[in-house]
Amino acid sequence: MTVKKALITGITGQDGSYLGELLLEKGYQVHGTARQVPASVRQRCDGQRGKPHLHYGDLTDGARLVGLLEKIR
């Protein structure tokens, strides 16, 4: 059985963190992108069960996003 994977852009935001938590509860392997942000903001992800894999980057960096997609595939 293959594990379902999800990539959430902006996972440290309110909507992204709630979506990440929901998908973790459903058994997904969750990856999220975030800009370099203070530790206080990243704590939204730290409280989630199973903790998502955080990747730092900006949506305007296409090469980094392509590399990330290949990595989590």
N, C-alpha and C. Protein backbone atom coordinates (compact mmCIF):
# COMPACT_ATOMS: atom_id res chain seq x y z
N MET A 1 0.85 -1.19 0.00
CA MET A 1 0.00 0.00 0.00
C MET A 1 0.88 1.24 0.00
N THR A 2 0.64 2.13 -0.92
CA THR A 2 1.43 3.34 -1.00
C THR A 2 0.84 4.42 -0.10
N VAL A 3 1.72 5.22 0.45
CA VAL A 3 1.30 6.32 1.31
C VAL A 3 0.93 7.50 0.44
N LYS A 4 -0.20 8.10 0.71
CA LYS A 4 -0.60 9.30 -0.02
C LYS A 4 0.22 10.47 0.50
N LYS A 5 0.61 11.34 -0.43
CA LYS A 5 1.44 12.50 -0.08
C LYS A 5 0.72 13.77 -0.48
N ALA A 6 0.96 14.80 0.31
CA ALA A 6 0.38 16.11 0.02
C ALA A 6 1.45 17.17 0.16
N LEU A 7 1.40 18.17 -0.71
CA LEU A 7 2.28 19.33 -0.63
C LEU A 7 1.40 20.55 -0.41
N ILE A 8 1.63 21.23 0.69
CA ILE A 8 0.83 22.41 1.05
C ILE A 8 1.74 23.63 1.01
N THR A 9 1.40 24.58 0.14
CA THR A 9 2.15 25.83 0.12
C THR A 9 1.60 26.73 1.20
N GLY A 10 2.49 27.39 1.91
CA GLY A 10 2.05 28.26 2.99
C GLY A 10 1.54 27.49 4.20
N ILE A 11 2.20 26.41 4.55
CA ILE A 11 1.72 25.54 5.62
C ILE A 11 1.80 26.20 7.00
N THR A 12 2.59 27.25 7.14
CA THR A 12 2.68 27.91 8.45
C THR A 12 1.55 28.90 8.67
N GLY A 13 0.73 29.14 7.66
CA GLY A 13 -0.41 30.03 7.81
C GLY A 13 -1.58 29.31 8.45
N GLN A 14 -2.62 30.02 8.78
CA GLN A 14 -3.77 29.46 9.47
C GLN A 14 -4.43 28.34 8.66
N ASP A 15 -4.76 28.60 7.43
CA ASP A 15 -5.44 27.60 6.60
C ASP A 15 -4.53 26.41 6.31
N GLY A 16 -3.28 26.69 5.99
CA GLY A 16 -2.33 25.62 5.69
C GLY A 16 -2.09 24.70 6.86
N SER A 17 -2.01 25.28 8.07
CA SER A 17 -1.76 24.44 9.24
C SER A 17 -2.96 23.56 9.55
N TYR A 18 -4.17 24.08 9.39
CA TYR A 18 -5.37 23.26 9.61
C TYR A 18 -5.48 22.15 8.57
N LEU A 19 -5.18 22.47 7.32
CA LEU A 19 -5.22 21.46 6.27
C LEU A 19 -4.17 20.38 6.53
N GLY A 20 -2.97 20.80 6.94
CA GLY A 20 -1.92 19.85 7.25
C GLY A 20 -2.32 18.90 8.37
N GLU A 21 -2.93 19.43 9.40
CA GLU A 21 -3.37 18.60 10.52
C GLU A 21 -4.43 17.60 10.08
N LEU A 22 -5.38 18.04 9.27
CA LEU A 22 -6.43 17.16 8.78
C LEU A 22 -5.85 16.02 7.95
N LEU A 23 -4.94 16.36 7.05
CA LEU A 23 -4.34 15.33 6.20
C LEU A 23 -3.48 14.36 6.99
N LEU A 24 -2.76 14.85 8.01
CA LEU A 24 -1.98 13.95 8.86
C LEU A 24 -2.89 12.96 9.57
N GLU A 25 -4.03 13.45 10.05
CA GLU A 25 -4.98 12.56 10.72
C GLU A 25 -5.53 11.50 9.77
N LYS A 26 -5.58 11.82 8.48
CA LYS A 26 -6.09 10.86 7.49
C LYS A 26 -4.99 9.94 6.96
N GLY A 27 -3.78 10.06 7.51
CA GLY A 27 -2.70 9.17 7.14
C GLY A 27 -1.80 9.63 6.01
N TYR A 28 -1.93 10.86 5.58
CA TYR A 28 -1.09 11.39 4.51
C TYR A 28 0.31 11.70 5.05
N GLN A 29 1.28 11.62 4.16
CA GLN A 29 2.61 12.15 4.44
C GLN A 29 2.55 13.59 3.96
N VAL A 30 2.69 14.53 4.87
CA VAL A 30 2.49 15.94 4.53
C VAL A 30 3.83 16.67 4.41
N HIS A 31 3.97 17.39 3.30
CA HIS A 31 5.12 18.26 3.06
C HIS A 31 4.56 19.66 2.91
N GLY A 32 5.27 20.63 3.44
CA GLY A 32 4.79 22.00 3.32
C GLY A 32 5.91 22.96 3.01
N THR A 33 5.60 23.97 2.24
CA THR A 33 6.58 25.01 1.94
C THR A 33 6.29 26.23 2.80
N ALA A 34 7.36 26.89 3.17
CA ALA A 34 7.24 28.11 3.96
C ALA A 34 8.43 29.00 3.66
N ARG A 35 8.20 30.28 3.73
CA ARG A 35 9.31 31.22 3.63
C ARG A 35 10.08 31.14 4.95
N GLN A 36 11.24 31.72 4.98
CA GLN A 36 11.99 31.78 6.24
C GLN A 36 11.15 32.61 7.21
N VAL A 37 10.69 31.98 8.26
CA VAL A 37 9.81 32.64 9.21
C VAL A 37 10.32 32.41 10.63
N PRO A 38 9.95 33.28 11.56
CA PRO A 38 10.39 33.11 12.94
C PRO A 38 9.86 31.82 13.55
N ALA A 39 10.55 31.35 14.57
CA ALA A 39 10.17 30.10 15.25
C ALA A 39 8.75 30.18 15.80
N SER A 40 8.32 31.34 16.23
CA SER A 40 6.98 31.47 16.81
C SER A 40 5.90 31.13 15.78
N VAL A 41 6.15 31.42 14.52
CA VAL A 41 5.18 31.12 13.46
C VAL A 41 5.25 29.64 13.10
N ARG A 42 6.46 29.06 13.07
CA ARG A 42 6.61 27.64 12.74
C ARG A 42 5.98 26.74 13.79
N GLN A 43 5.73 27.24 14.98
CA GLN A 43 5.14 26.43 16.04
C GLN A 43 3.75 25.92 15.67
N ARG A 44 3.08 26.56 14.74
CA ARG A 44 1.76 26.06 14.30
C ARG A 44 1.90 24.65 13.76
N CYS A 45 3.01 24.38 13.10
CA CYS A 45 3.23 23.04 12.54
C CYS A 45 3.73 22.07 13.60
N ASP A 46 4.47 22.56 14.56
CA ASP A 46 5.07 21.68 15.56
C ASP A 46 4.03 20.97 16.42
N GLY A 47 2.86 21.55 16.58
CA GLY A 47 1.84 20.94 17.40
C GLY A 47 1.07 19.83 16.70
N GLN A 48 1.30 19.63 15.42
CA GLN A 48 0.54 18.65 14.65
C GLN A 48 1.09 17.25 14.87
N ARG A 49 0.18 16.30 15.01
CA ARG A 49 0.58 14.91 15.16
C ARG A 49 1.27 14.43 13.90
N GLY A 50 2.38 13.74 14.06
CA GLY A 50 3.09 13.22 12.90
C GLY A 50 3.97 14.26 12.24
N LYS A 51 3.88 15.48 12.63
CA LYS A 51 4.63 16.62 12.12
C LYS A 51 4.91 16.57 10.61
N PRO A 52 4.50 17.59 9.92
CA PRO A 52 4.77 17.65 8.48
C PRO A 52 6.26 17.91 8.23
N HIS A 53 6.70 17.58 7.05
CA HIS A 53 8.07 17.87 6.63
C HIS A 53 8.08 19.29 6.09
N LEU A 54 8.85 20.18 6.72
CA LEU A 54 8.92 21.57 6.27
C LEU A 54 10.05 21.75 5.28
N HIS A 55 9.75 22.46 4.21
CA HIS A 55 10.73 22.80 3.18
C HIS A 55 10.68 24.31 3.02
N TYR A 56 11.83 24.94 3.01
CA TYR A 56 11.86 26.39 2.91
C TYR A 56 12.06 26.82 1.47
N GLY A 57 11.32 27.81 1.08
CA GLY A 57 11.44 28.32 -0.27
C GLY A 57 10.34 29.32 -0.56
N ASP A 58 10.39 29.85 -1.73
CA ASP A 58 9.44 30.86 -2.18
C ASP A 58 8.80 30.35 -3.46
N LEU A 59 7.53 30.62 -3.63
CA LEU A 59 6.83 30.14 -4.82
C LEU A 59 7.36 30.74 -6.11
N THR A 60 8.11 31.82 -6.01
CA THR A 60 8.67 32.41 -7.22
C THR A 60 9.95 31.70 -7.67
N ASP A 61 10.45 30.76 -6.87
CA ASP A 61 11.65 30.00 -7.20
C ASP A 61 11.24 28.67 -7.83
N GLY A 62 10.98 28.70 -9.13
CA GLY A 62 10.47 27.52 -9.84
C GLY A 62 11.40 26.33 -9.78
N ALA A 63 12.70 26.56 -9.88
CA ALA A 63 13.66 25.45 -9.86
C ALA A 63 13.61 24.72 -8.53
N ARG A 64 13.48 25.46 -7.44
CA ARG A 64 13.41 24.83 -6.12
C ARG A 64 12.13 24.00 -5.98
N LEU A 65 11.03 24.52 -6.50
CA LEU A 65 9.77 23.78 -6.42
C LEU A 65 9.80 22.49 -7.23
N VAL A 66 10.38 22.54 -8.41
CA VAL A 66 10.51 21.34 -9.23
C VAL A 66 11.38 20.32 -8.50
N GLY A 67 12.48 20.76 -7.90
CA GLY A 67 13.34 19.86 -7.15
C GLY A 67 12.62 19.26 -5.96
N LEU A 68 11.80 20.05 -5.29
CA LEU A 68 11.03 19.55 -4.16
C LEU A 68 10.02 18.50 -4.59
N LEU A 69 9.32 18.75 -5.67
CA LEU A 69 8.35 17.78 -6.17
C LEU A 69 9.02 16.46 -6.55
N GLU A 70 10.19 16.53 -7.15
CA GLU A 70 10.92 15.31 -7.50
C GLU A 70 11.38 14.57 -6.24
N LYS A 71 11.75 15.33 -5.22
CA LYS A 71 12.24 14.73 -3.98
C LYS A 71 11.14 13.98 -3.24
N ILE A 72 9.95 14.54 -3.18
CA ILE A 72 8.88 13.90 -2.39
C ILE A 72 8.09 12.88 -3.20
N ARG A 73 8.31 12.80 -4.47
CA ARG A 73 7.59 11.88 -5.33
C ARG A 73 7.82 10.51 -4.88
